[in-house]
Amino acid sequence: SSSMLLSEAEVQSARGAWEKIYVDAEDNGTAVLIRMFTEHPDTKTYFTHFKGMDSAEEMKQSDQVRCHGKKVFSAINDMVQHLDNSEAFLGIVTPLGKKHATQLKIDPKNFRV
């Protein structure tokens, strides 16, 4: 497997930290989405079914927001599992990036968010 720019220790450290967050994937994924929508309200426009939700509490209770939060965290989990294999890592990230750029038409500035 081709290695990335991370040392074995860094990979293990990242996996250890991520494991603690991933234990509560749905709650934590939901919290991250809510924070993004709150701090960068324009990002909510990409999610037509979230548009009517204004309060963080409302989003927190939404099955759709919770489901998407879990989905995002599952994708990140796949990436974390492949931090030591750049080919496999890129195999996950590249199609996701393409989908968000071309199919979902996400403004490139939002990739930084």
PDB file of N, CA and C in Angstrom:
ATOM      1  N   SER A   1       0.845  -1.188   0.000  1.00  0.00           N
ATOM      2  CA  SER A   1       0.000   0.000   0.000  1.00  0.00           C
ATOM      3  C   SER A   1       0.884   1.244   0.000  1.00  0.00           C
ATOM      4  N   SER A   2       0.511   2.206  -0.811  1.00  0.00           N
ATOM      5  CA  SER A   2       1.300   3.430  -0.846  1.00  0.00           C
ATOM      6  C   SER A   2       0.977   4.257   0.395  1.00  0.00           C
ATOM      7  N   SER A   3       2.001   4.826   0.979  1.00  0.00           N
ATOM      8  CA  SER A   3       1.751   5.553   2.226  1.00  0.00           C
ATOM      9  C   SER A   3       1.508   7.026   1.954  1.00  0.00           C
ATOM     10  N   MET A   4       0.874   7.677   2.909  1.00  0.00           N
ATOM     11  CA  MET A   4       0.597   9.106   2.792  1.00  0.00           C
ATOM     12  C   MET A   4       1.680   9.864   3.563  1.00  0.00           C
ATOM     13  N   LEU A   5       1.441  11.124   3.796  1.00  0.00           N
ATOM     14  CA  LEU A   5       2.437  11.946   4.453  1.00  0.00           C
ATOM     15  C   LEU A   5       2.360  11.858   5.982  1.00  0.00           C
ATOM     16  N   LEU A   6       1.542  10.958   6.489  1.00  0.00           N
ATOM     17  CA  LEU A   6       1.409  10.799   7.931  1.00  0.00           C
ATOM     18  C   LEU A   6       2.284   9.660   8.427  1.00  0.00           C
ATOM     19  N   SER A   7       2.881   9.859   9.590  1.00  0.00           N
ATOM     20  CA  SER A   7       3.671   8.777  10.186  1.00  0.00           C
ATOM     21  C   SER A   7       2.703   7.774  10.804  1.00  0.00           C
ATOM     22  N   GLU A   8       3.199   6.588  11.111  1.00  0.00           N
ATOM     23  CA  GLU A   8       2.382   5.560  11.745  1.00  0.00           C
ATOM     24  C   GLU A   8       1.814   6.078  13.071  1.00  0.00           C
ATOM     25  N   ALA A   9       2.635   6.820  13.821  1.00  0.00           N
ATOM     26  CA  ALA A   9       2.191   7.376  15.109  1.00  0.00           C
ATOM     27  C   ALA A   9       1.048   8.375  14.911  1.00  0.00           C
ATOM     28  N   GLU A  10       1.159   9.205  13.866  1.00  0.00           N
ATOM     29  CA  GLU A  10       0.103  10.179  13.585  1.00  0.00           C
ATOM     30  C   GLU A  10      -1.198   9.483  13.180  1.00  0.00           C
ATOM     31  N   VAL A  11      -1.071   8.428  12.397  1.00  0.00           N
ATOM     32  CA  VAL A  11      -2.243   7.662  11.971  1.00  0.00           C
ATOM     33  C   VAL A  11      -2.937   7.071  13.203  1.00  0.00           C
ATOM     34  N   GLN A  12      -2.147   6.469  14.086  1.00  0.00           N
ATOM     35  CA  GLN A  12      -2.713   5.864  15.300  1.00  0.00           C
ATOM     36  C   GLN A  12      -3.356   6.920  16.197  1.00  0.00           C
ATOM     37  N   SER A  13      -2.704   8.064  16.300  1.00  0.00           N
ATOM     38  CA  SER A  13      -3.220   9.165  17.118  1.00  0.00           C
ATOM     39  C   SER A  13      -4.555   9.661  16.559  1.00  0.00           C
ATOM     40  N   ALA A  14      -4.609   9.845  15.253  1.00  0.00           N
ATOM     41  CA  ALA A  14      -5.843  10.303  14.603  1.00  0.00           C
ATOM     42  C   ALA A  14      -6.957   9.280  14.800  1.00  0.00           C
ATOM     43  N   ARG A  15      -6.631   8.001  14.643  1.00  0.00           N
ATOM     44  CA  ARG A  15      -7.642   6.949  14.817  1.00  0.00           C
ATOM     45  C   ARG A  15      -8.148   6.893  16.252  1.00  0.00           C
ATOM     46  N   GLY A  16      -7.235   7.069  17.200  1.00  0.00           N
ATOM     47  CA  GLY A  16      -7.612   7.048  18.612  1.00  0.00           C
ATOM     48  C   GLY A  16      -8.560   8.189  18.956  1.00  0.00           C
ATOM     49  N   ALA A  17      -8.230   9.382  18.466  1.00  0.00           N
ATOM     50  CA  ALA A  17      -9.077  10.553  18.724  1.00  0.00           C
ATOM     51  C   ALA A  17     -10.439  10.379  18.045  1.00  0.00           C
ATOM     52  N   TRP A  18     -10.418   9.920  16.798  1.00  0.00           N
ATOM     53  CA  TRP A  18     -11.659   9.753  16.036  1.00  0.00           C
ATOM     54  C   TRP A  18     -12.569   8.717  16.686  1.00  0.00           C
ATOM     55  N   GLU A  19     -11.994   7.618  17.183  1.00  0.00           N
ATOM     56  CA  GLU A  19     -12.795   6.562  17.825  1.00  0.00           C
ATOM     57  C   GLU A  19     -13.680   7.119  18.922  1.00  0.00           C
ATOM     58  N   LYS A  20     -13.131   8.043  19.711  1.00  0.00           N
ATOM     59  CA  LYS A  20     -13.876   8.636  20.832  1.00  0.00           C
ATOM     60  C   LYS A  20     -15.064   9.454  20.327  1.00  0.00           C
ATOM     61  N   ILE A  21     -14.894  10.100  19.184  1.00  0.00           N
ATOM     62  CA  ILE A  21     -15.957  10.926  18.606  1.00  0.00           C
ATOM     63  C   ILE A  21     -16.988  10.054  17.903  1.00  0.00           C
ATOM     64  N   TYR A  22     -16.507   8.986  17.262  1.00  0.00           N
ATOM     65  CA  TYR A  22     -17.372   8.133  16.435  1.00  0.00           C
ATOM     66  C   TYR A  22     -18.294   7.257  17.270  1.00  0.00           C
ATOM     67  N   VAL A  23     -17.984   7.072  18.538  1.00  0.00           N
ATOM     68  CA  VAL A  23     -18.841   6.272  19.431  1.00  0.00           C
ATOM     69  C   VAL A  23     -20.266   6.840  19.415  1.00  0.00           C
ATOM     70  N   ASP A  24     -20.379   8.172  19.390  1.00  0.00           N
ATOM     71  CA  ASP A  24     -21.691   8.823  19.325  1.00  0.00           C
ATOM     72  C   ASP A  24     -21.868   9.475  17.964  1.00  0.00           C
ATOM     73  N   ALA A  25     -21.728   8.661  16.918  1.00  0.00           N
ATOM     74  CA  ALA A  25     -21.726   9.184  15.542  1.00  0.00           C
ATOM     75  C   ALA A  25     -22.956  10.020  15.219  1.00  0.00           C
ATOM     76  N   GLU A  26     -24.129   9.556  15.604  1.00  0.00           N
ATOM     77  CA  GLU A  26     -25.345  10.285  15.234  1.00  0.00           C
ATOM     78  C   GLU A  26     -25.434  11.625  15.964  1.00  0.00           C
ATOM     79  N   ASP A  27     -25.213  11.625  17.286  1.00  0.00           N
ATOM     80  CA  ASP A  27     -25.284  12.871  18.054  1.00  0.00           C
ATOM     81  C   ASP A  27     -24.202  13.852  17.621  1.00  0.00           C
ATOM     82  N   ASN A  28     -22.977  13.359  17.491  1.00  0.00           N
ATOM     83  CA  ASN A  28     -21.869  14.240  17.132  1.00  0.00           C
ATOM     84  C   ASN A  28     -21.971  14.728  15.688  1.00  0.00           C
ATOM     85  N   GLY A  29     -22.386  13.849  14.792  1.00  0.00           N
ATOM     86  CA  GLY A  29     -22.577  14.248  13.391  1.00  0.00           C
ATOM     87  C   GLY A  29     -23.662  15.307  13.273  1.00  0.00           C
ATOM     88  N   THR A  30     -24.730  15.133  14.050  1.00  0.00           N
ATOM     89  CA  THR A  30     -25.826  16.108  14.065  1.00  0.00           C
ATOM     90  C   THR A  30     -25.322  17.451  14.599  1.00  0.00           C
ATOM     91  N   ALA A  31     -24.541  17.413  15.671  1.00  0.00           N
ATOM     92  CA  ALA A  31     -24.003  18.646  16.267  1.00  0.00           C
ATOM     93  C   ALA A  31     -23.124  19.401  15.276  1.00  0.00           C
ATOM     94  N   VAL A  32     -22.314  18.669  14.517  1.00  0.00           N
ATOM     95  CA  VAL A  32     -21.430  19.302  13.528  1.00  0.00           C
ATOM     96  C   VAL A  32     -22.258  19.966  12.423  1.00  0.00           C
ATOM     97  N   LEU A  33     -23.289  19.275  11.939  1.00  0.00           N
ATOM     98  CA  LEU A  33     -24.151  19.858  10.901  1.00  0.00           C
ATOM     99  C   LEU A  33     -24.848  21.117  11.414  1.00  0.00           C
ATOM    100  N   ILE A  34     -25.389  21.039  12.636  1.00  0.00           N
ATOM    101  CA  ILE A  34     -26.094  22.192  13.204  1.00  0.00           C
ATOM    102  C   ILE A  34     -25.145  23.380  13.335  1.00  0.00           C
ATOM    103  N   ARG A  35     -23.930  23.112  13.767  1.00  0.00           N
ATOM    104  CA  ARG A  35     -22.953  24.192  13.898  1.00  0.00           C
ATOM    105  C   ARG A  35     -22.650  24.814  12.521  1.00  0.00           C
ATOM    106  N   MET A  36     -22.501  23.961  11.511  1.00  0.00           N
ATOM    107  CA  MET A  36     -22.238  24.470  10.163  1.00  0.00           C
ATOM    108  C   MET A  36     -23.414  25.329   9.690  1.00  0.00           C
ATOM    109  N   PHE A  37     -24.650  24.835   9.868  1.00  0.00           N
ATOM    110  CA  PHE A  37     -25.828  25.580   9.426  1.00  0.00           C
ATOM    111  C   PHE A  37     -25.999  26.883  10.186  1.00  0.00           C
ATOM    112  N   THR A  38     -25.614  26.884  11.461  1.00  0.00           N
ATOM    113  CA  THR A  38     -25.771  28.072  12.299  1.00  0.00           C
ATOM    114  C   THR A  38     -24.717  29.131  11.971  1.00  0.00           C
ATOM    115  N   GLU A  39     -23.468  28.678  11.821  1.00  0.00           N
ATOM    116  CA  GLU A  39     -22.374  29.619  11.568  1.00  0.00           C
ATOM    117  C   GLU A  39     -22.252  30.015  10.098  1.00  0.00           C
ATOM    118  N   HIS A  40     -22.749  29.160   9.218  1.00  0.00           N
ATOM    119  CA  HIS A  40     -22.694  29.425   7.768  1.00  0.00           C
ATOM    120  C   HIS A  40     -24.077  29.124   7.183  1.00  0.00           C
ATOM    121  N   PRO A  41     -25.068  29.992   7.462  1.00  0.00           N
ATOM    122  CA  PRO A  41     -26.462  29.705   7.086  1.00  0.00           C
ATOM    123  C   PRO A  41     -26.665  29.403   5.600  1.00  0.00           C
ATOM    124  N   ASP A  42     -25.814  29.968   4.734  1.00  0.00           N
ATOM    125  CA  ASP A  42     -25.965  29.715   3.296  1.00  0.00           C
ATOM    126  C   ASP A  42     -25.765  28.237   2.952  1.00  0.00           C
ATOM    127  N   THR A  43     -25.071  27.483   3.811  1.00  0.00           N
ATOM    128  CA  THR A  43     -24.862  26.053   3.511  1.00  0.00           C
ATOM    129  C   THR A  43     -26.174  25.285   3.599  1.00  0.00           C
ATOM    130  N   LYS A  44     -27.136  25.827   4.324  1.00  0.00           N
ATOM    131  CA  LYS A  44     -28.416  25.128   4.480  1.00  0.00           C
ATOM    132  C   LYS A  44     -29.211  25.096   3.175  1.00  0.00           C
ATOM    133  N   THR A  45     -28.900  26.027   2.258  1.00  0.00           N
ATOM    134  CA  THR A  45     -29.649  26.093   1.011  1.00  0.00           C
ATOM    135  C   THR A  45     -29.448  24.844   0.148  1.00  0.00           C
ATOM    136  N   TYR A  46     -28.376  24.090   0.402  1.00  0.00           N
ATOM    137  CA  TYR A  46     -28.139  22.859  -0.368  1.00  0.00           C
ATOM    138  C   TYR A  46     -29.038  21.718   0.093  1.00  0.00           C
ATOM    139  N   PHE A  47     -29.673  21.900   1.248  1.00  0.00           N
ATOM    140  CA  PHE A  47     -30.523  20.856   1.817  1.00  0.00           C
ATOM    141  C   PHE A  47     -31.960  21.361   1.836  1.00  0.00           C
ATOM    142  N   THR A  48     -32.683  21.083   0.741  1.00  0.00           N
ATOM    143  CA  THR A  48     -34.028  21.638   0.613  1.00  0.00           C
ATOM    144  C   THR A  48     -34.924  21.235   1.785  1.00  0.00           C
ATOM    145  N   HIS A  49     -34.759  20.010   2.290  1.00  0.00           N
ATOM    146  CA  HIS A  49     -35.626  19.553   3.376  1.00  0.00           C
ATOM    147  C   HIS A  49     -35.225  20.100   4.749  1.00  0.00           C
ATOM    148  N   PHE A  50     -34.112  20.848   4.833  1.00  0.00           N
ATOM    149  CA  PHE A  50     -33.733  21.458   6.112  1.00  0.00           C
ATOM    150  C   PHE A  50     -34.097  22.947   6.147  1.00  0.00           C
ATOM    151  N   LYS A  51     -34.473  23.507   4.994  1.00  0.00           N
ATOM    152  CA  LYS A  51     -34.658  24.960   4.858  1.00  0.00           C
ATOM    153  C   LYS A  51     -35.603  25.566   5.897  1.00  0.00           C
ATOM    154  N   GLY A  52     -36.712  24.912   6.160  1.00  0.00           N
ATOM    155  CA  GLY A  52     -37.700  25.466   7.077  1.00  0.00           C
ATOM    156  C   GLY A  52     -37.295  25.437   8.539  1.00  0.00           C
ATOM    157  N   MET A  53     -36.234  24.721   8.835  1.00  0.00           N
ATOM    158  CA  MET A  53     -35.811  24.587  10.232  1.00  0.00           C
ATOM    159  C   MET A  53     -34.903  25.737  10.627  1.00  0.00           C
ATOM    160  N   ASP A  54     -35.324  26.480  11.641  1.00  0.00           N
ATOM    161  CA  ASP A  54     -34.522  27.632  12.030  1.00  0.00           C
ATOM    162  C   ASP A  54     -33.759  27.430  13.329  1.00  0.00           C
ATOM    163  N   SER A  55     -34.387  26.780  14.297  1.00  0.00           N
ATOM    164  CA  SER A  55     -33.706  26.643  15.583  1.00  0.00           C
ATOM    165  C   SER A  55     -32.840  25.393  15.630  1.00  0.00           C
ATOM    166  N   ALA A  56     -31.768  25.502  16.388  1.00  0.00           N
ATOM    167  CA  ALA A  56     -30.870  24.361  16.578  1.00  0.00           C
ATOM    168  C   ALA A  56     -31.633  23.200  17.203  1.00  0.00           C
ATOM    169  N   GLU A  57     -32.554  23.524  18.107  1.00  0.00           N
ATOM    170  CA  GLU A  57     -33.344  22.497  18.790  1.00  0.00           C
ATOM    171  C   GLU A  57     -34.189  21.716  17.791  1.00  0.00           C
ATOM    172  N   GLU A  58     -34.788  22.445  16.858  1.00  0.00           N
ATOM    173  CA  GLU A  58     -35.622  21.833  15.821  1.00  0.00           C
ATOM    174  C   GLU A  58     -34.777  20.887  14.951  1.00  0.00           C
ATOM    175  N   MET A  59     -33.583  21.356  14.583  1.00  0.00           N
ATOM    176  CA  MET A  59     -32.686  20.528  13.763  1.00  0.00           C
ATOM    177  C   MET A  59     -32.243  19.293  14.531  1.00  0.00           C
ATOM    178  N   LYS A  60     -31.979  19.476  15.817  1.00  0.00           N
ATOM    179  CA  LYS A  60     -31.502  18.389  16.667  1.00  0.00           C
ATOM    180  C   LYS A  60     -32.534  17.257  16.756  1.00  0.00           C
ATOM    181  N   GLN A  61     -33.805  17.636  16.692  1.00  0.00           N
ATOM    182  CA  GLN A  61     -34.893  16.643  16.792  1.00  0.00           C
ATOM    183  C   GLN A  61     -35.229  16.002  15.441  1.00  0.00           C
ATOM    184  N   SER A  62     -34.743  16.597  14.354  1.00  0.00           N
ATOM    185  CA  SER A  62     -35.109  16.137  13.011  1.00  0.00           C
ATOM    186  C   SER A  62     -34.429  14.817  12.648  1.00  0.00           C
ATOM    187  N   ASP A  63     -35.243  13.841  12.263  1.00  0.00           N
ATOM    188  CA  ASP A  63     -34.694  12.543  11.834  1.00  0.00           C
ATOM    189  C   ASP A  63     -33.820  12.712  10.597  1.00  0.00           C
ATOM    190  N   GLN A  64     -34.200  13.658   9.714  1.00  0.00           N
ATOM    191  CA  GLN A  64     -33.444  13.858   8.474  1.00  0.00           C
ATOM    192  C   GLN A  64     -32.054  14.437   8.760  1.00  0.00           C
ATOM    193  N   VAL A  65     -31.997  15.407   9.674  1.00  0.00           N
ATOM    194  CA  VAL A  65     -30.708  15.996  10.025  1.00  0.00           C
ATOM    195  C   VAL A  65     -29.847  14.944  10.729  1.00  0.00           C
ATOM    196  N   ARG A  66     -30.454  14.192  11.648  1.00  0.00           N
ATOM    197  CA  ARG A  66     -29.718  13.164  12.400  1.00  0.00           C
ATOM    198  C   ARG A  66     -29.182  12.084  11.447  1.00  0.00           C
ATOM    199  N   CYS A  67     -30.004  11.691  10.504  1.00  0.00           N
ATOM    200  CA  CYS A  67     -29.606  10.661   9.540  1.00  0.00           C
ATOM    201  C   CYS A  67     -28.436  11.155   8.686  1.00  0.00           C
ATOM    202  N   HIS A  68     -28.497  12.425   8.268  1.00  0.00           N
ATOM    203  CA  HIS A  68     -27.407  12.957   7.434  1.00  0.00           C
ATOM    204  C   HIS A  68     -26.136  13.131   8.254  1.00  0.00           C
ATOM    205  N   GLY A  69     -26.280  13.539   9.503  1.00  0.00           N
ATOM    206  CA  GLY A  69     -25.120  13.670  10.382  1.00  0.00           C
ATOM    207  C   GLY A  69     -24.399  12.341  10.542  1.00  0.00           C
ATOM    208  N   LYS A  70     -25.180  11.283  10.705  1.00  0.00           N
ATOM    209  CA  LYS A  70     -24.603   9.939  10.853  1.00  0.00           C
ATOM    210  C   LYS A  70     -23.918   9.508   9.555  1.00  0.00           C
ATOM    211  N   LYS A  71     -24.531   9.848   8.428  1.00  0.00           N
ATOM    212  CA  LYS A  71     -23.988   9.505   7.107  1.00  0.00           C
ATOM    213  C   LYS A  71     -22.627  10.184   6.891  1.00  0.00           C
ATOM    214  N   VAL A  72     -22.551  11.461   7.268  1.00  0.00           N
ATOM    215  CA  VAL A  72     -21.296  12.216   7.137  1.00  0.00           C
ATOM    216  C   VAL A  72     -20.210  11.564   7.999  1.00  0.00           C
ATOM    217  N   PHE A  73     -20.570  11.227   9.230  1.00  0.00           N
ATOM    218  CA  PHE A  73     -19.591  10.623  10.132  1.00  0.00           C
ATOM    219  C   PHE A  73     -19.161   9.239   9.655  1.00  0.00           C
ATOM    220  N   SER A  74     -20.058   8.492   9.032  1.00  0.00           N
ATOM    221  CA  SER A  74     -19.694   7.181   8.477  1.00  0.00           C
ATOM    222  C   SER A  74     -18.681   7.333   7.359  1.00  0.00           C
ATOM    223  N   ALA A  75     -18.868   8.358   6.525  1.00  0.00           N
ATOM    224  CA  ALA A  75     -17.927   8.619   5.427  1.00  0.00           C
ATOM    225  C   ALA A  75     -16.555   9.003   5.988  1.00  0.00           C
ATOM    226  N   ILE A  76     -16.557   9.860   7.026  1.00  0.00           N
ATOM    227  CA  ILE A  76     -15.285  10.253   7.647  1.00  0.00           C
ATOM    228  C   ILE A  76     -14.622   9.022   8.265  1.00  0.00           C
ATOM    229  N   ASN A  77     -15.429   8.158   8.866  1.00  0.00           N
ATOM    230  CA  ASN A  77     -14.886   6.942   9.477  1.00  0.00           C
ATOM    231  C   ASN A  77     -14.165   6.083   8.431  1.00  0.00           C
ATOM    232  N   ASP A  78     -14.773   5.959   7.250  1.00  0.00           N
ATOM    233  CA  ASP A  78     -14.130   5.208   6.161  1.00  0.00           C
ATOM    234  C   ASP A  78     -12.777   5.824   5.819  1.00  0.00           C
ATOM    235  N   MET A  79     -12.719   7.151   5.795  1.00  0.00           N
ATOM    236  CA  MET A  79     -11.466   7.837   5.462  1.00  0.00           C
ATOM    237  C   MET A  79     -10.417   7.584   6.536  1.00  0.00           C
ATOM    238  N   VAL A  80     -10.830   7.691   7.797  1.00  0.00           N
ATOM    239  CA  VAL A  80      -9.894   7.502   8.909  1.00  0.00           C
ATOM    240  C   VAL A  80      -9.304   6.085   8.885  1.00  0.00           C
ATOM    241  N   GLN A  81     -10.106   5.118   8.495  1.00  0.00           N
ATOM    242  CA  GLN A  81      -9.619   3.732   8.432  1.00  0.00           C
ATOM    243  C   GLN A  81      -8.550   3.547   7.357  1.00  0.00           C
ATOM    244  N   HIS A  82      -8.496   4.480   6.418  1.00  0.00           N
ATOM    245  CA  HIS A  82      -7.554   4.345   5.299  1.00  0.00           C
ATOM    246  C   HIS A  82      -6.495   5.445   5.268  1.00  0.00           C
ATOM    247  N   LEU A  83      -6.228   6.048   6.414  1.00  0.00           N
ATOM    248  CA  LEU A  83      -5.218   7.115   6.470  1.00  0.00           C
ATOM    249  C   LEU A  83      -3.826   6.620   6.099  1.00  0.00           C
ATOM    250  N   ASP A  84      -3.603   5.319   6.235  1.00  0.00           N
ATOM    251  CA  ASP A  84      -2.271   4.778   5.938  1.00  0.00           C
ATOM    252  C   ASP A  84      -2.195   4.161   4.542  1.00  0.00           C
ATOM    253  N   ASN A  85      -3.225   4.414   3.727  1.00  0.00           N
ATOM    254  CA  ASN A  85      -3.235   3.865   2.371  1.00  0.00           C
ATOM    255  C   ASN A  85      -3.818   4.927   1.435  1.00  0.00           C
ATOM    256  N   SER A  86      -2.936   5.701   0.814  1.00  0.00           N
ATOM    257  CA  SER A  86      -3.414   6.840   0.029  1.00  0.00           C
ATOM    258  C   SER A  86      -4.317   6.433  -1.137  1.00  0.00           C
ATOM    259  N   GLU A  87      -4.050   5.268  -1.727  1.00  0.00           N
ATOM    260  CA  GLU A  87      -4.890   4.827  -2.847  1.00  0.00           C
ATOM    261  C   GLU A  87      -6.324   4.585  -2.398  1.00  0.00           C
ATOM    262  N   ALA A  88      -6.455   3.835  -1.303  1.00  0.00           N
ATOM    263  CA  ALA A  88      -7.788   3.546  -0.769  1.00  0.00           C
ATOM    264  C   ALA A  88      -8.463   4.825  -0.285  1.00  0.00           C
ATOM    265  N   PHE A  89      -7.688   5.691   0.371  1.00  0.00           N
ATOM    266  CA  PHE A  89      -8.211   6.962   0.885  1.00  0.00           C
ATOM    267  C   PHE A  89      -8.774   7.794  -0.268  1.00  0.00           C
ATOM    268  N   LEU A  90      -7.967   7.946  -1.331  1.00  0.00           N
ATOM    269  CA  LEU A  90      -8.410   8.725  -2.489  1.00  0.00           C
ATOM    270  C   LEU A  90      -9.598   8.076  -3.184  1.00  0.00           C
ATOM    271  N   GLY A  91      -9.659   6.745  -3.107  1.00  0.00           N
ATOM    272  CA  GLY A  91     -10.782   6.014  -3.692  1.00  0.00           C
ATOM    273  C   GLY A  91     -12.100   6.365  -3.016  1.00  0.00           C
ATOM    274  N   ILE A  92     -12.032   6.789  -1.762  1.00  0.00           N
ATOM    275  CA  ILE A  92     -13.224   7.208  -1.015  1.00  0.00           C
ATOM    276  C   ILE A  92     -13.486   8.693  -1.229  1.00  0.00           C
ATOM    277  N   VAL A  93     -12.441   9.506  -1.105  1.00  0.00           N
ATOM    278  CA  VAL A  93     -12.587  10.959  -1.137  1.00  0.00           C
ATOM    279  C   VAL A  93     -12.907  11.494  -2.534  1.00  0.00           C
ATOM    280  N   THR A  94     -12.253  10.966  -3.554  1.00  0.00           N
ATOM    281  CA  THR A  94     -12.412  11.507  -4.910  1.00  0.00           C
ATOM    282  C   THR A  94     -13.858  11.467  -5.411  1.00  0.00           C
ATOM    283  N   PRO A  95     -14.529  10.296  -5.361  1.00  0.00           N
ATOM    284  CA  PRO A  95     -15.920  10.288  -5.841  1.00  0.00           C
ATOM    285  C   PRO A  95     -16.841  11.179  -4.999  1.00  0.00           C
ATOM    286  N   LEU A  96     -16.582  11.255  -3.697  1.00  0.00           N
ATOM    287  CA  LEU A  96     -17.395  12.122  -2.831  1.00  0.00           C
ATOM    288  C   LEU A  96     -17.211  13.584  -3.224  1.00  0.00           C
ATOM    289  N   GLY A  97     -15.962  13.976  -3.465  1.00  0.00           N
ATOM    290  CA  GLY A  97     -15.662  15.342  -3.882  1.00  0.00           C
ATOM    291  C   GLY A  97     -16.315  15.673  -5.206  1.00  0.00           C
ATOM    292  N   LYS A  98     -16.213  14.733  -6.162  1.00  0.00           N
ATOM    293  CA  LYS A  98     -16.813  14.939  -7.486  1.00  0.00           C
ATOM    294  C   LYS A  98     -18.325  15.101  -7.379  1.00  0.00           C
ATOM    295  N   LYS A  99     -18.951  14.233  -6.558  1.00  0.00           N
ATOM    296  CA  LYS A  99     -20.404  14.284  -6.396  1.00  0.00           C
ATOM    297  C   LYS A  99     -20.826  15.638  -5.833  1.00  0.00           C
ATOM    298  N   HIS A 100     -20.107  16.117  -4.810  1.00  0.00           N
ATOM    299  CA  HIS A 100     -20.459  17.385  -4.182  1.00  0.00           C
ATOM    300  C   HIS A 100     -20.218  18.558  -5.134  1.00  0.00           C
ATOM    301  N   ALA A 101     -19.203  18.449  -5.974  1.00  0.00           N
ATOM    302  CA  ALA A 101     -18.873  19.544  -6.891  1.00  0.00           C
ATOM    303  C   ALA A 101     -19.791  19.564  -8.113  1.00  0.00           C
ATOM    304  N   THR A 102     -20.003  18.412  -8.736  1.00  0.00           N
ATOM    305  CA  THR A 102     -20.727  18.390 -10.005  1.00  0.00           C
ATOM    306  C   THR A 102     -22.220  18.139  -9.845  1.00  0.00           C
ATOM    307  N   GLN A 103     -22.589  17.083  -9.123  1.00  0.00           N
ATOM    308  CA  GLN A 103     -23.999  16.731  -8.998  1.00  0.00           C
ATOM    309  C   GLN A 103     -24.722  17.672  -8.029  1.00  0.00           C
ATOM    310  N   LEU A 104     -24.101  17.940  -6.873  1.00  0.00           N
ATOM    311  CA  LEU A 104     -24.755  18.769  -5.859  1.00  0.00           C
ATOM    312  C   LEU A 104     -24.438  20.256  -6.029  1.00  0.00           C
ATOM    313  N   LYS A 105     -23.482  20.567  -6.916  1.00  0.00           N
ATOM    314  CA  LYS A 105     -23.106  21.949  -7.254  1.00  0.00           C
ATOM    315  C   LYS A 105     -22.766  22.800  -6.013  1.00  0.00           C
ATOM    316  N   ILE A 106     -21.958  22.241  -5.142  1.00  0.00           N
ATOM    317  CA  ILE A 106     -21.544  22.965  -3.944  1.00  0.00           C
ATOM    318  C   ILE A 106     -20.518  24.028  -4.337  1.00  0.00           C
ATOM    319  N   ASP A 107     -20.724  25.250  -3.860  1.00  0.00           N
ATOM    320  CA  ASP A 107     -19.776  26.339  -4.115  1.00  0.00           C
ATOM    321  C   ASP A 107     -18.435  25.954  -3.505  1.00  0.00           C
ATOM    322  N   PRO A 108     -17.345  26.041  -4.287  1.00  0.00           N
ATOM    323  CA  PRO A 108     -16.023  25.634  -3.777  1.00  0.00           C
ATOM    324  C   PRO A 108     -15.645  26.255  -2.438  1.00  0.00           C
ATOM    325  N   LYS A 109     -16.107  27.483  -2.140  1.00  0.00           N
ATOM    326  CA  LYS A 109     -15.753  28.109  -0.858  1.00  0.00           C
ATOM    327  C   LYS A 109     -16.281  27.285   0.322  1.00  0.00           C
ATOM    328  N   ASN A 110     -17.344  26.514   0.090  1.00  0.00           N
ATOM    329  CA  ASN A 110     -17.918  25.729   1.177  1.00  0.00           C
ATOM    330  C   ASN A 110     -17.089  24.485   1.512  1.00  0.00           C
ATOM    331  N   PHE A 111     -16.200  24.091   0.629  1.00  0.00           N
ATOM    332  CA  PHE A 111     -15.331  22.949   0.948  1.00  0.00           C
ATOM    333  C   PHE A 111     -14.423  23.292   2.102  1.00  0.00           C
ATOM    334  N   ARG A 112     -14.067  24.578   2.230  1.00  0.00           N
ATOM    335  CA  ARG A 112     -13.240  25.006   3.366  1.00  0.00           C
ATOM    336  C   ARG A 112     -14.027  24.935   4.669  1.00  0.00           C
ATOM    337  N   VAL A 113     -15.322  25.247   4.592  1.00  0.00           N
ATOM    338  CA  VAL A 113     -16.201  25.189   5.772  1.00  0.00           C
ATOM    339  C   VAL A 113     -16.241  23.757   6.266  1.00  0.00           C
TER     340      VAL A 113
END
